[in-house]
Amino acid sequence: MEVISRSPEETAAFAAQLANRLRPPVLLLLEGDLGAGKTTFAKGFAAALGIDARNVTSPTYTLMNEYVGENGRLCHCDLYRLQSADDFYATGIEESFAGAYTLVEWPDRLPHEITDEIQTLRLEFAVNPHSDERCITLSEPFQVER
């Protein structure tokens, strides 16, 4: 599935629509270059869970931010600073995934046994890095509850 977003607001709205169709536990891998809109996507996803999107920030230095909303718990991870699977397991982050909606930025740092049969969402610059237009691609088959 592929969606073209023409603005950060459209990216956030798409994320909210997707969040409303999923039921935890969810592990969604967010791929994309710096500035592609991963945090904007996380803000929209959080808003659908009843979390104030203004409080959602990139977890680059904390590795994971956890938020609780009226519609669920969100774990937002950024694994950019990890070097190996051992680093990942040393953090204990995976324990937080249970029963949560989990968004993982830089998922290439996850151990392979965790990423088996997980859905991936890729955010790419559709035209150029200076445009707000993004191409959002969901891996197939993307399973959602209706």
N, C-alpha and C. Protein backbone atom coordinates (compact mmCIF):
# COMPACT_ATOMS: atom_id res chain seq x y z
N MET A 1 0.85 -1.18 0.00
CA MET A 1 0.00 0.00 0.00
C MET A 1 0.89 1.23 0.00
N GLU A 2 0.54 2.19 -0.84
CA GLU A 2 1.33 3.41 -0.93
C GLU A 2 0.40 4.62 -0.87
N VAL A 3 0.81 5.62 -0.10
CA VAL A 3 0.03 6.84 0.08
C VAL A 3 0.96 8.02 -0.15
N ILE A 4 0.48 9.03 -0.85
CA ILE A 4 1.25 10.27 -1.00
C ILE A 4 0.68 11.28 -0.02
N SER A 5 1.56 11.81 0.81
CA SER A 5 1.18 12.86 1.75
C SER A 5 1.77 14.16 1.22
N ARG A 6 0.94 15.19 1.20
CA ARG A 6 1.39 16.47 0.65
C ARG A 6 1.78 17.48 1.72
N SER A 7 1.66 17.07 3.00
CA SER A 7 2.00 18.00 4.08
C SER A 7 2.22 17.22 5.37
N PRO A 8 2.87 17.83 6.34
CA PRO A 8 3.00 17.18 7.65
C PRO A 8 1.63 16.86 8.27
N GLU A 9 0.66 17.72 8.03
CA GLU A 9 -0.68 17.49 8.56
C GLU A 9 -1.31 16.24 7.94
N GLU A 10 -1.11 16.03 6.65
CA GLU A 10 -1.63 14.83 6.00
C GLU A 10 -0.92 13.58 6.52
N THR A 11 0.39 13.69 6.78
CA THR A 11 1.13 12.55 7.33
C THR A 11 0.58 12.20 8.71
N ALA A 12 0.36 13.20 9.55
CA ALA A 12 -0.18 12.97 10.89
C ALA A 12 -1.59 12.40 10.82
N ALA A 13 -2.40 12.89 9.89
CA ALA A 13 -3.77 12.39 9.75
C ALA A 13 -3.78 10.94 9.29
N PHE A 14 -2.89 10.59 8.37
CA PHE A 14 -2.79 9.19 7.93
C PHE A 14 -2.39 8.30 9.09
N ALA A 15 -1.43 8.76 9.89
CA ALA A 15 -0.98 7.97 11.05
C ALA A 15 -2.13 7.76 12.03
N ALA A 16 -2.94 8.79 12.26
CA ALA A 16 -4.09 8.67 13.17
C ALA A 16 -5.10 7.66 12.63
N GLN A 17 -5.37 7.71 11.33
CA GLN A 17 -6.29 6.74 10.72
C GLN A 17 -5.78 5.32 10.89
N LEU A 18 -4.49 5.14 10.68
CA LEU A 18 -3.90 3.81 10.82
C LEU A 18 -3.99 3.35 12.28
N ALA A 19 -3.66 4.22 13.21
CA ALA A 19 -3.72 3.87 14.64
C ALA A 19 -5.12 3.43 15.04
N ASN A 20 -6.12 4.08 14.49
CA ASN A 20 -7.51 3.74 14.82
C ASN A 20 -7.92 2.37 14.29
N ARG A 21 -7.17 1.82 13.34
CA ARG A 21 -7.51 0.52 12.76
C ARG A 21 -6.70 -0.63 13.35
N LEU A 22 -5.69 -0.32 14.15
CA LEU A 22 -4.83 -1.35 14.72
C LEU A 22 -5.18 -1.60 16.18
N ARG A 23 -4.88 -2.78 16.65
CA ARG A 23 -5.09 -3.15 18.05
C ARG A 23 -3.79 -3.71 18.61
N PRO A 24 -3.41 -3.31 19.82
CA PRO A 24 -2.14 -3.78 20.38
C PRO A 24 -2.19 -5.26 20.71
N PRO A 25 -1.05 -5.90 20.74
CA PRO A 25 0.27 -5.29 20.57
C PRO A 25 0.58 -5.04 19.09
N VAL A 26 1.19 -3.91 18.83
CA VAL A 26 1.59 -3.50 17.49
C VAL A 26 3.06 -3.12 17.54
N LEU A 27 3.83 -3.64 16.62
CA LEU A 27 5.22 -3.23 16.46
C LEU A 27 5.36 -2.75 15.03
N LEU A 28 5.46 -1.45 14.87
CA LEU A 28 5.52 -0.83 13.55
C LEU A 28 6.89 -0.21 13.36
N LEU A 29 7.57 -0.65 12.32
CA LEU A 29 8.92 -0.19 12.04
C LEU A 29 8.85 1.02 11.12
N LEU A 30 9.43 2.13 11.56
CA LEU A 30 9.41 3.36 10.77
C LEU A 30 10.77 3.56 10.12
N GLU A 31 10.81 3.45 8.83
CA GLU A 31 12.05 3.63 8.08
C GLU A 31 11.99 4.96 7.35
N GLY A 32 13.14 5.55 7.13
CA GLY A 32 13.20 6.78 6.36
C GLY A 32 14.38 7.62 6.79
N ASP A 33 14.82 8.47 5.88
CA ASP A 33 15.96 9.33 6.14
C ASP A 33 15.62 10.36 7.22
N LEU A 34 16.66 11.02 7.72
CA LEU A 34 16.45 12.12 8.66
C LEU A 34 15.56 13.16 8.01
N GLY A 35 14.56 13.63 8.73
CA GLY A 35 13.66 14.64 8.21
C GLY A 35 12.54 14.12 7.33
N ALA A 36 12.42 12.81 7.21
CA ALA A 36 11.39 12.24 6.32
C ALA A 36 9.99 12.29 6.92
N GLY A 37 9.88 12.51 8.23
CA GLY A 37 8.55 12.63 8.83
C GLY A 37 8.21 11.56 9.84
N LYS A 38 9.20 10.83 10.33
CA LYS A 38 8.92 9.75 11.28
C LYS A 38 8.32 10.30 12.59
N THR A 39 8.85 11.39 13.09
CA THR A 39 8.31 11.95 14.33
C THR A 39 6.94 12.58 14.08
N THR A 40 6.75 13.18 12.92
CA THR A 40 5.43 13.71 12.56
C THR A 40 4.41 12.58 12.53
N PHE A 41 4.81 11.43 11.96
CA PHE A 41 3.94 10.26 11.94
C PHE A 41 3.63 9.83 13.38
N ALA A 42 4.65 9.78 14.23
CA ALA A 42 4.45 9.37 15.63
C ALA A 42 3.49 10.32 16.35
N LYS A 43 3.56 11.60 16.08
CA LYS A 43 2.66 12.57 16.71
C LYS A 43 1.21 12.30 16.30
N GLY A 44 0.98 12.03 15.02
CA GLY A 44 -0.37 11.73 14.56
C GLY A 44 -0.89 10.44 15.14
N PHE A 45 -0.03 9.44 15.23
CA PHE A 45 -0.40 8.14 15.80
C PHE A 45 -0.77 8.34 17.27
N ALA A 46 0.04 9.10 17.99
CA ALA A 46 -0.20 9.35 19.41
C ALA A 46 -1.53 10.07 19.62
N ALA A 47 -1.82 11.04 18.77
CA ALA A 47 -3.06 11.81 18.92
C ALA A 47 -4.28 10.88 18.85
N ALA A 48 -4.22 9.87 18.00
CA ALA A 48 -5.34 8.92 17.90
C ALA A 48 -5.51 8.10 19.17
N LEU A 49 -4.44 7.98 19.94
CA LEU A 49 -4.51 7.23 21.20
C LEU A 49 -4.89 8.13 22.37
N GLY A 50 -5.17 9.39 22.10
CA GLY A 50 -5.56 10.32 23.16
C GLY A 50 -4.36 10.94 23.87
N ILE A 51 -3.22 10.95 23.20
CA ILE A 51 -2.00 11.53 23.75
C ILE A 51 -1.81 12.90 23.10
N ASP A 52 -1.48 13.90 23.89
CA ASP A 52 -1.25 15.23 23.37
C ASP A 52 -0.01 15.21 22.47
N ALA A 53 -0.20 15.41 21.19
CA ALA A 53 0.88 15.32 20.21
C ALA A 53 2.00 16.32 20.50
N ARG A 54 1.68 17.42 21.18
CA ARG A 54 2.72 18.40 21.51
C ARG A 54 3.76 17.83 22.46
N ASN A 55 3.39 16.77 23.19
CA ASN A 55 4.32 16.16 24.14
C ASN A 55 5.18 15.07 23.50
N VAL A 56 4.89 14.72 22.26
CA VAL A 56 5.63 13.65 21.59
C VAL A 56 6.87 14.25 20.93
N THR A 57 8.01 13.75 21.36
CA THR A 57 9.29 14.22 20.83
C THR A 57 10.11 13.04 20.36
N SER A 58 11.11 13.32 19.57
CA SER A 58 11.99 12.27 19.08
C SER A 58 12.79 11.70 20.26
N PRO A 59 12.82 10.38 20.40
CA PRO A 59 13.56 9.76 21.50
C PRO A 59 15.02 9.46 21.15
N THR A 60 15.64 10.30 20.35
CA THR A 60 17.00 10.05 19.89
C THR A 60 17.98 9.83 21.05
N TYR A 61 17.88 10.63 22.08
CA TYR A 61 18.84 10.52 23.18
C TYR A 61 18.35 9.65 24.33
N THR A 62 17.04 9.47 24.44
CA THR A 62 16.49 8.64 25.52
C THR A 62 16.27 7.20 25.07
N LEU A 63 16.39 6.94 23.79
CA LEU A 63 16.13 5.66 23.13
C LEU A 63 14.64 5.31 23.07
N MET A 64 13.87 5.61 24.14
CA MET A 64 12.44 5.32 24.10
C MET A 64 11.69 6.34 24.95
N ASN A 65 10.60 6.83 24.39
CA ASN A 65 9.65 7.64 25.15
C ASN A 65 8.36 6.84 25.23
N GLU A 66 7.78 6.82 26.41
CA GLU A 66 6.53 6.08 26.61
C GLU A 66 5.44 7.07 26.98
N TYR A 67 4.29 6.90 26.35
CA TYR A 67 3.14 7.77 26.58
C TYR A 67 1.91 6.91 26.84
N VAL A 68 1.05 7.40 27.70
CA VAL A 68 -0.20 6.68 27.96
C VAL A 68 -1.36 7.61 27.64
N GLY A 69 -2.25 7.14 26.79
CA GLY A 69 -3.43 7.90 26.43
C GLY A 69 -4.68 7.12 26.77
N GLU A 70 -5.82 7.73 26.59
CA GLU A 70 -7.08 7.07 26.92
C GLU A 70 -7.35 5.85 26.03
N ASN A 71 -6.70 5.79 24.87
CA ASN A 71 -6.92 4.67 23.94
C ASN A 71 -5.73 3.72 23.83
N GLY A 72 -4.77 3.85 24.72
CA GLY A 72 -3.65 2.92 24.68
C GLY A 72 -2.33 3.52 25.08
N ARG A 73 -1.35 2.64 25.16
CA ARG A 73 0.01 3.01 25.54
C ARG A 73 0.89 2.97 24.31
N LEU A 74 1.71 4.01 24.14
CA LEU A 74 2.60 4.12 22.99
C LEU A 74 4.05 4.13 23.45
N CYS A 75 4.84 3.25 22.86
CA CYS A 75 6.29 3.25 23.05
C CYS A 75 6.89 3.73 21.73
N HIS A 76 7.62 4.82 21.79
CA HIS A 76 8.23 5.40 20.60
C HIS A 76 9.75 5.28 20.77
N CYS A 77 10.36 4.44 19.96
CA CYS A 77 11.78 4.14 20.09
C CYS A 77 12.57 4.73 18.93
N ASP A 78 13.79 5.14 19.23
CA ASP A 78 14.74 5.57 18.21
C ASP A 78 16.04 4.84 18.52
N LEU A 79 16.39 3.89 17.67
CA LEU A 79 17.53 3.03 17.95
C LEU A 79 18.80 3.46 17.22
N TYR A 80 18.81 4.69 16.72
CA TYR A 80 19.92 5.19 15.92
C TYR A 80 21.27 5.00 16.62
N ARG A 81 21.32 5.21 17.91
CA ARG A 81 22.60 5.18 18.64
C ARG A 81 23.06 3.77 19.02
N LEU A 82 22.23 2.75 18.80
CA LEU A 82 22.63 1.39 19.14
C LEU A 82 23.55 0.83 18.05
N GLN A 83 24.48 -0.01 18.46
CA GLN A 83 25.44 -0.58 17.53
C GLN A 83 25.19 -2.05 17.22
N SER A 84 24.46 -2.75 18.12
CA SER A 84 24.33 -4.19 17.94
C SER A 84 23.09 -4.72 18.65
N ALA A 85 22.77 -5.98 18.37
CA ALA A 85 21.66 -6.65 19.07
C ALA A 85 21.95 -6.70 20.57
N ASP A 86 23.20 -6.89 20.94
CA ASP A 86 23.56 -6.90 22.36
C ASP A 86 23.21 -5.57 23.02
N ASP A 87 23.47 -4.47 22.32
CA ASP A 87 23.11 -3.14 22.85
C ASP A 87 21.60 -3.05 23.06
N PHE A 88 20.85 -3.58 22.10
CA PHE A 88 19.39 -3.54 22.21
C PHE A 88 18.93 -4.30 23.44
N TYR A 89 19.40 -5.53 23.60
CA TYR A 89 18.97 -6.33 24.75
C TYR A 89 19.44 -5.74 26.07
N ALA A 90 20.57 -5.06 26.07
CA ALA A 90 21.08 -4.44 27.31
C ALA A 90 20.17 -3.31 27.79
N THR A 91 19.42 -2.69 26.88
CA THR A 91 18.53 -1.59 27.27
C THR A 91 17.28 -2.09 27.98
N GLY A 92 16.85 -3.31 27.68
CA GLY A 92 15.61 -3.84 28.25
C GLY A 92 14.36 -3.27 27.60
N ILE A 93 14.52 -2.53 26.54
CA ILE A 93 13.40 -1.87 25.86
C ILE A 93 12.31 -2.86 25.45
N GLU A 94 12.70 -4.04 24.99
CA GLU A 94 11.71 -4.99 24.45
C GLU A 94 10.65 -5.36 25.47
N GLU A 95 10.95 -5.26 26.75
CA GLU A 95 9.96 -5.56 27.79
C GLU A 95 8.79 -4.58 27.75
N SER A 96 9.04 -3.38 27.27
CA SER A 96 7.99 -2.36 27.19
C SER A 96 7.03 -2.60 26.05
N PHE A 97 7.41 -3.41 25.07
CA PHE A 97 6.59 -3.64 23.89
C PHE A 97 5.29 -4.39 24.20
N ALA A 98 5.28 -5.19 25.26
CA ALA A 98 4.12 -6.04 25.57
C ALA A 98 2.86 -5.20 25.77
N GLY A 99 1.84 -5.50 24.99
CA GLY A 99 0.55 -4.85 25.12
C GLY A 99 0.50 -3.41 24.67
N ALA A 100 1.53 -2.96 23.98
CA ALA A 100 1.61 -1.55 23.59
C ALA A 100 1.56 -1.39 22.07
N TYR A 101 1.31 -0.17 21.67
CA TYR A 101 1.56 0.26 20.30
C TYR A 101 3.02 0.71 20.32
N THR A 102 3.85 0.12 19.49
CA THR A 102 5.27 0.47 19.50
C THR A 102 5.70 0.92 18.12
N LEU A 103 6.31 2.09 18.06
CA LEU A 103 6.87 2.64 16.83
C LEU A 103 8.37 2.64 16.99
N VAL A 104 9.09 2.05 16.04
CA VAL A 104 10.54 1.96 16.13
C VAL A 104 11.19 2.65 14.95
N GLU A 105 11.93 3.72 15.25
CA GLU A 105 12.74 4.39 14.24
C GLU A 105 14.11 3.73 14.20
N TRP A 106 14.71 3.66 13.04
CA TRP A 106 15.99 3.00 12.79
C TRP A 106 15.88 1.52 13.17
N PRO A 107 14.89 0.81 12.60
CA PRO A 107 14.66 -0.58 12.97
C PRO A 107 15.75 -1.54 12.50
N ASP A 108 16.67 -1.07 11.65
CA ASP A 108 17.76 -1.95 11.24
C ASP A 108 18.65 -2.32 12.42
N ARG A 109 18.48 -1.63 13.56
CA ARG A 109 19.25 -1.94 14.77
C ARG A 109 18.55 -3.00 15.64
N LEU A 110 17.34 -3.41 15.25
CA LEU A 110 16.65 -4.46 16.00
C LEU A 110 17.24 -5.83 15.67
N PRO A 111 17.28 -6.73 16.65
CA PRO A 111 17.70 -8.11 16.35
C PRO A 111 16.72 -8.74 15.36
N HIS A 112 17.22 -9.57 14.47
CA HIS A 112 16.39 -10.19 13.44
C HIS A 112 15.23 -11.00 14.00
N GLU A 113 15.42 -11.66 15.14
CA GLU A 113 14.33 -12.48 15.68
C GLU A 113 13.14 -11.63 16.12
N ILE A 114 13.35 -10.37 16.38
CA ILE A 114 12.24 -9.48 16.76
C ILE A 114 11.51 -8.98 15.53
N THR A 115 12.20 -8.83 14.43
CA THR A 115 11.58 -8.24 13.24
C THR A 115 10.89 -9.25 12.33
N ASP A 116 10.97 -10.53 12.62
CA ASP A 116 10.28 -11.51 11.81
C ASP A 116 8.78 -11.24 11.83
N GLU A 117 8.16 -11.22 10.64
CA GLU A 117 6.72 -11.05 10.49
C GLU A 117 6.18 -9.74 11.08
N ILE A 118 7.00 -8.71 11.09
CA ILE A 118 6.59 -7.39 11.57
C ILE A 118 6.34 -6.50 10.36
N GLN A 119 5.39 -5.61 10.50
CA GLN A 119 5.05 -4.71 9.41
C GLN A 119 5.98 -3.50 9.41
N THR A 120 6.29 -3.03 8.24
CA THR A 120 7.18 -1.89 8.08
C THR A 120 6.45 -0.77 7.35
N LEU A 121 6.71 0.43 7.82
CA LEU A 121 6.19 1.62 7.16
C LEU A 121 7.40 2.43 6.75
N ARG A 122 7.47 2.82 5.50
CA ARG A 122 8.61 3.60 5.01
C ARG A 122 8.12 4.98 4.60
N LEU A 123 8.80 6.00 5.10
CA LEU A 123 8.51 7.38 4.72
C LEU A 123 9.67 7.87 3.86
N GLU A 124 9.36 8.35 2.67
CA GLU A 124 10.40 8.81 1.77
C GLU A 124 10.04 10.18 1.22
N PHE A 125 11.06 10.93 0.87
CA PHE A 125 10.83 12.18 0.17
C PHE A 125 10.30 11.84 -1.22
N ALA A 126 9.11 12.30 -1.54
CA ALA A 126 8.51 11.95 -2.82
C ALA A 126 9.11 12.75 -3.96
N VAL A 127 9.46 13.99 -3.71
CA VAL A 127 10.01 14.83 -4.76
C VAL A 127 11.46 15.19 -4.44
N ASN A 128 11.63 15.94 -3.37
CA ASN A 128 12.97 16.31 -2.92
C ASN A 128 12.90 16.67 -1.44
N PRO A 129 14.03 16.73 -0.76
CA PRO A 129 14.03 16.98 0.69
C PRO A 129 13.46 18.34 1.09
N HIS A 130 13.33 19.25 0.15
CA HIS A 130 12.83 20.58 0.46
C HIS A 130 11.32 20.70 0.26
N SER A 131 10.70 19.63 -0.20
CA SER A 131 9.25 19.58 -0.40
C SER A 131 8.60 18.91 0.80
N ASP A 132 7.35 19.25 1.08
CA ASP A 132 6.59 18.59 2.15
C ASP A 132 5.99 17.27 1.69
N GLU A 133 6.07 16.98 0.41
CA GLU A 133 5.45 15.76 -0.12
C GLU A 133 6.27 14.54 0.26
N ARG A 134 5.55 13.51 0.76
CA ARG A 134 6.18 12.25 1.17
C ARG A 134 5.44 11.08 0.56
N CYS A 135 6.17 10.03 0.31
CA CYS A 135 5.59 8.77 -0.13
C CYS A 135 5.63 7.84 1.08
N ILE A 136 4.46 7.38 1.54
CA ILE A 136 4.37 6.48 2.68
C ILE A 136 4.02 5.10 2.13
N THR A 137 4.88 4.13 2.40
CA THR A 137 4.68 2.78 1.91
C THR A 137 4.54 1.83 3.08
N LEU A 138 3.47 1.05 3.08
CA LEU A 138 3.26 0.01 4.09
C LEU A 138 3.63 -1.32 3.47
N SER A 139 4.37 -2.13 4.23
CA SER A 139 4.75 -3.44 3.70
C SER A 139 3.50 -4.30 3.51
N GLU A 140 3.60 -5.24 2.63
CA GLU A 140 2.48 -6.15 2.36
C GLU A 140 2.77 -7.52 2.93
N PRO A 141 1.82 -8.26 3.43
CA PRO A 141 0.46 -7.78 3.67
C PRO A 141 0.41 -7.03 4.98
N PHE A 142 -0.20 -5.88 5.00
CA PHE A 142 -0.33 -5.09 6.21
C PHE A 142 -1.66 -5.45 6.85
N GLN A 143 -1.62 -6.05 8.02
CA GLN A 143 -2.82 -6.54 8.69
C GLN A 143 -3.40 -5.46 9.61
N VAL A 144 -4.67 -5.14 9.42
CA VAL A 144 -5.34 -4.20 10.31
C VAL A 144 -6.70 -4.77 10.67
N GLU A 145 -7.16 -4.42 11.86
CA GLU A 145 -8.49 -4.82 12.28
C GLU A 145 -9.47 -3.79 11.78
N ARG A 146 -10.62 -4.23 11.35
CA ARG A 146 -11.62 -3.29 10.83
C ARG A 146 -12.73 -3.10 11.84
